[in-house]
Amino acid sequence: MYINTNEETTNEIKKIFESQSDKPQNVRIFIAGIGWGGPSLGLGLDEKKAEDVYEEINGVTFVMAKDIYDQMGEITVEYKLNGYSVIPTDQDPVDCGSCSSC
């Protein structure tokens, strides 16, 4: 498994670990929904499972179901403006201008 991220992102995740120390201390990447542009990925605190792949970066362990990782490939996780961007690394940004949510 390969996760592209940076120190700012892992530091922000560590703050969440500290504030939610009673929760699992792994970050699960999962399919949060499917829209017109395909699957959208989300993050959550979760335990590692036998069918997961994982990578530890700067003290943060990212986990993902192997079948989802096989479909999505490498993932980029970045902290941006009080939130997280979670996208496949090779995904091109979409700028169609056809709706107000873009």
C-alpha atoms as a PDB file:
ATOM      1  CA  MET A   1       0.000   0.000   0.000  1.00  0.00           C
ATOM      2  CA  TYR A   2       1.219   3.503  -0.765  1.00  0.00           C
ATOM      3  CA  ILE A   3      -0.184   6.684   0.794  1.00  0.00           C
ATOM      4  CA  ASN A   4       1.015  10.083  -0.367  1.00  0.00           C
ATOM      5  CA  THR A   5       0.742  12.546   2.525  1.00  0.00           C
ATOM      6  CA  ASN A   6       2.751  15.155   4.401  1.00  0.00           C
ATOM      7  CA  GLU A   7       3.831  16.015   7.940  1.00  0.00           C
ATOM      8  CA  GLU A   8       1.122  18.659   8.432  1.00  0.00           C
ATOM      9  CA  THR A   9      -1.547  16.050   7.675  1.00  0.00           C
ATOM     10  CA  THR A  10      -0.124  13.417  10.024  1.00  0.00           C
ATOM     11  CA  ASN A  11       0.276  16.035  12.779  1.00  0.00           C
ATOM     12  CA  GLU A  12      -3.405  17.009  12.434  1.00  0.00           C
ATOM     13  CA  ILE A  13      -4.406  13.331  12.609  1.00  0.00           C
ATOM     14  CA  LYS A  14      -2.296  12.885  15.762  1.00  0.00           C
ATOM     15  CA  LYS A  15      -4.311  15.713  17.367  1.00  0.00           C
ATOM     16  CA  ILE A  16      -7.458  13.694  16.666  1.00  0.00           C
ATOM     17  CA  PHE A  17      -5.837  10.597  18.190  1.00  0.00           C
ATOM     18  CA  GLU A  18      -5.074  12.612  21.343  1.00  0.00           C
ATOM     19  CA  SER A  19      -8.599  14.003  21.630  1.00  0.00           C
ATOM     20  CA  GLN A  20     -10.168  10.581  20.978  1.00  0.00           C
ATOM     21  CA  SER A  21      -7.777   8.315  22.831  1.00  0.00           C
ATOM     22  CA  ASP A  22     -10.593   5.842  23.612  1.00  0.00           C
ATOM     23  CA  LYS A  23     -11.024   5.153  19.865  1.00  0.00           C
ATOM     24  CA  PRO A  24      -8.861   2.972  17.599  1.00  0.00           C
ATOM     25  CA  GLN A  25      -5.617   4.718  16.638  1.00  0.00           C
ATOM     26  CA  ASN A  26      -5.626   3.755  12.937  1.00  0.00           C
ATOM     27  CA  VAL A  27      -7.023   5.819  10.062  1.00  0.00           C
ATOM     28  CA  ARG A  28      -9.290   3.837   7.756  1.00  0.00           C
ATOM     29  CA  ILE A  29      -9.698   5.022   4.174  1.00  0.00           C
ATOM     30  CA  PHE A  30     -13.098   3.910   2.879  1.00  0.00           C
ATOM     31  CA  ILE A  31     -15.622   4.571   0.127  1.00  0.00           C
ATOM     32  CA  ALA A  32     -17.891   7.249   1.594  1.00  0.00           C
ATOM     33  CA  GLY A  33     -20.273   7.423  -1.364  1.00  0.00           C
ATOM     34  CA  ILE A  34     -20.550   7.316  -5.116  1.00  0.00           C
ATOM     35  CA  GLY A  35     -21.413  10.357  -7.204  1.00  0.00           C
ATOM     36  CA  TRP A  36     -21.313  11.346 -10.860  1.00  0.00           C
ATOM     37  CA  GLY A  37     -17.497  11.468 -10.712  1.00  0.00           C
ATOM     38  CA  GLY A  38     -17.167   8.008  -9.205  1.00  0.00           C
ATOM     39  CA  PRO A  39     -16.385   6.907  -5.652  1.00  0.00           C
ATOM     40  CA  SER A  40     -15.632   9.460  -2.975  1.00  0.00           C
ATOM     41  CA  LEU A  41     -13.241   8.450  -0.212  1.00  0.00           C
ATOM     42  CA  GLY A  42     -13.489   9.232   3.481  1.00  0.00           C
ATOM     43  CA  LEU A  43     -11.452   8.778   6.668  1.00  0.00           C
ATOM     44  CA  GLY A  44     -12.383   7.262  10.025  1.00  0.00           C
ATOM     45  CA  LEU A  45     -10.769   5.769  13.104  1.00  0.00           C
ATOM     46  CA  ASP A  46     -10.895   1.972  12.988  1.00  0.00           C
ATOM     47  CA  GLU A  47      -9.122  -1.269  13.856  1.00  0.00           C
ATOM     48  CA  LYS A  48      -6.955  -3.161  11.367  1.00  0.00           C
ATOM     49  CA  LYS A  49      -8.701  -6.181   9.881  1.00  0.00           C
ATOM     50  CA  ALA A  50      -7.191  -9.345   8.395  1.00  0.00           C
ATOM     51  CA  GLU A  51      -8.178  -8.331   4.840  1.00  0.00           C
ATOM     52  CA  ASP A  52      -6.616  -4.850   5.133  1.00  0.00           C
ATOM     53  CA  VAL A  53      -3.468  -3.399   3.660  1.00  0.00           C
ATOM     54  CA  TYR A  54      -1.749  -0.690   5.660  1.00  0.00           C
ATOM     55  CA  GLU A  55       1.095   1.798   5.761  1.00  0.00           C
ATOM     56  CA  GLU A  56       2.574   3.705   8.695  1.00  0.00           C
ATOM     57  CA  ILE A  57       3.742   7.256   8.017  1.00  0.00           C
ATOM     58  CA  ASN A  58       5.154   9.543  10.709  1.00  0.00           C
ATOM     59  CA  GLY A  59       3.516   7.478  13.468  1.00  0.00           C
ATOM     60  CA  VAL A  60       0.086   7.308  11.777  1.00  0.00           C
ATOM     61  CA  THR A  61      -1.162   3.973  10.429  1.00  0.00           C
ATOM     62  CA  PHE A  62      -3.482   4.193   7.414  1.00  0.00           C
ATOM     63  CA  VAL A  63      -5.577   1.074   6.716  1.00  0.00           C
ATOM     64  CA  MET A  64      -7.747   0.166   3.761  1.00  0.00           C
ATOM     65  CA  ALA A  65      -9.584  -2.938   2.581  1.00  0.00           C
ATOM     66  CA  LYS A  66      -7.361  -4.681   0.038  1.00  0.00           C
ATOM     67  CA  ASP A  67     -10.135  -4.988  -2.549  1.00  0.00           C
ATOM     68  CA  ILE A  68     -10.803  -1.231  -2.424  1.00  0.00           C
ATOM     69  CA  TYR A  69      -7.085  -0.440  -2.626  1.00  0.00           C
ATOM     70  CA  ASP A  70      -6.763  -2.772  -5.637  1.00  0.00           C
ATOM     71  CA  GLN A  71      -9.484  -0.730  -7.391  1.00  0.00           C
ATOM     72  CA  MET A  72      -8.309   2.749  -6.331  1.00  0.00           C
ATOM     73  CA  GLY A  73      -4.522   2.390  -6.306  1.00  0.00           C
ATOM     74  CA  GLU A  74      -2.272   4.861  -4.518  1.00  0.00           C
ATOM     75  CA  ILE A  75      -4.069   7.412  -2.347  1.00  0.00           C
ATOM     76  CA  THR A  76      -3.255  11.025  -1.484  1.00  0.00           C
ATOM     77  CA  VAL A  77      -4.410  12.280   1.931  1.00  0.00           C
ATOM     78  CA  GLU A  78      -3.949  15.988   2.667  1.00  0.00           C
ATOM     79  CA  TYR A  79      -5.167  18.315   5.387  1.00  0.00           C
ATOM     80  CA  LYS A  80      -6.691  21.421   3.777  1.00  0.00           C
ATOM     81  CA  LEU A  81      -8.659  24.286   5.325  1.00  0.00           C
ATOM     82  CA  ASN A  82      -9.880  22.390   8.408  1.00  0.00           C
ATOM     83  CA  GLY A  83     -10.678  19.233   6.448  1.00  0.00           C
ATOM     84  CA  TYR A  84      -9.101  16.384   4.567  1.00  0.00           C
ATOM     85  CA  SER A  85      -8.777  15.691   0.866  1.00  0.00           C
ATOM     86  CA  VAL A  86      -8.690  11.936   0.130  1.00  0.00           C
ATOM     87  CA  ILE A  87      -8.279  11.054  -3.553  1.00  0.00           C
ATOM     88  CA  PRO A  88      -6.547   8.481  -5.725  1.00  0.00           C
ATOM     89  CA  THR A  89      -3.065   9.846  -6.468  1.00  0.00           C
ATOM     90  CA  ASP A  90      -3.511   9.584 -10.246  1.00  0.00           C
ATOM     91  CA  GLN A  91      -6.967  11.249 -10.293  1.00  0.00           C
ATOM     92  CA  ASP A  92      -7.094  14.449 -12.297  1.00  0.00           C
ATOM     93  CA  PRO A  93      -8.993  17.347 -10.765  1.00  0.00           C
ATOM     94  CA  VAL A  94     -12.349  17.859 -12.466  1.00  0.00           C
ATOM     95  CA  ASP A  95     -13.449  21.345 -13.428  1.00  0.00           C
ATOM     96  CA  CYS A  96     -16.505  20.920 -15.586  1.00  0.00           C
ATOM     97  CA  GLY A  97     -18.410  23.953 -14.296  1.00  0.00           C
ATOM     98  CA  SER A  98     -21.736  22.171 -14.761  1.00  0.00           C
ATOM     99  CA  CYS A  99     -22.887  22.399 -11.154  1.00  0.00           C
ATOM    100  CA  SER A 100     -22.541  24.774  -8.253  1.00  0.00           C
ATOM    101  CA  SER A 101     -20.926  22.170  -5.959  1.00  0.00           C
ATOM    102  CA  CYS A 102     -17.638  22.067  -7.889  1.00  0.00           C
END
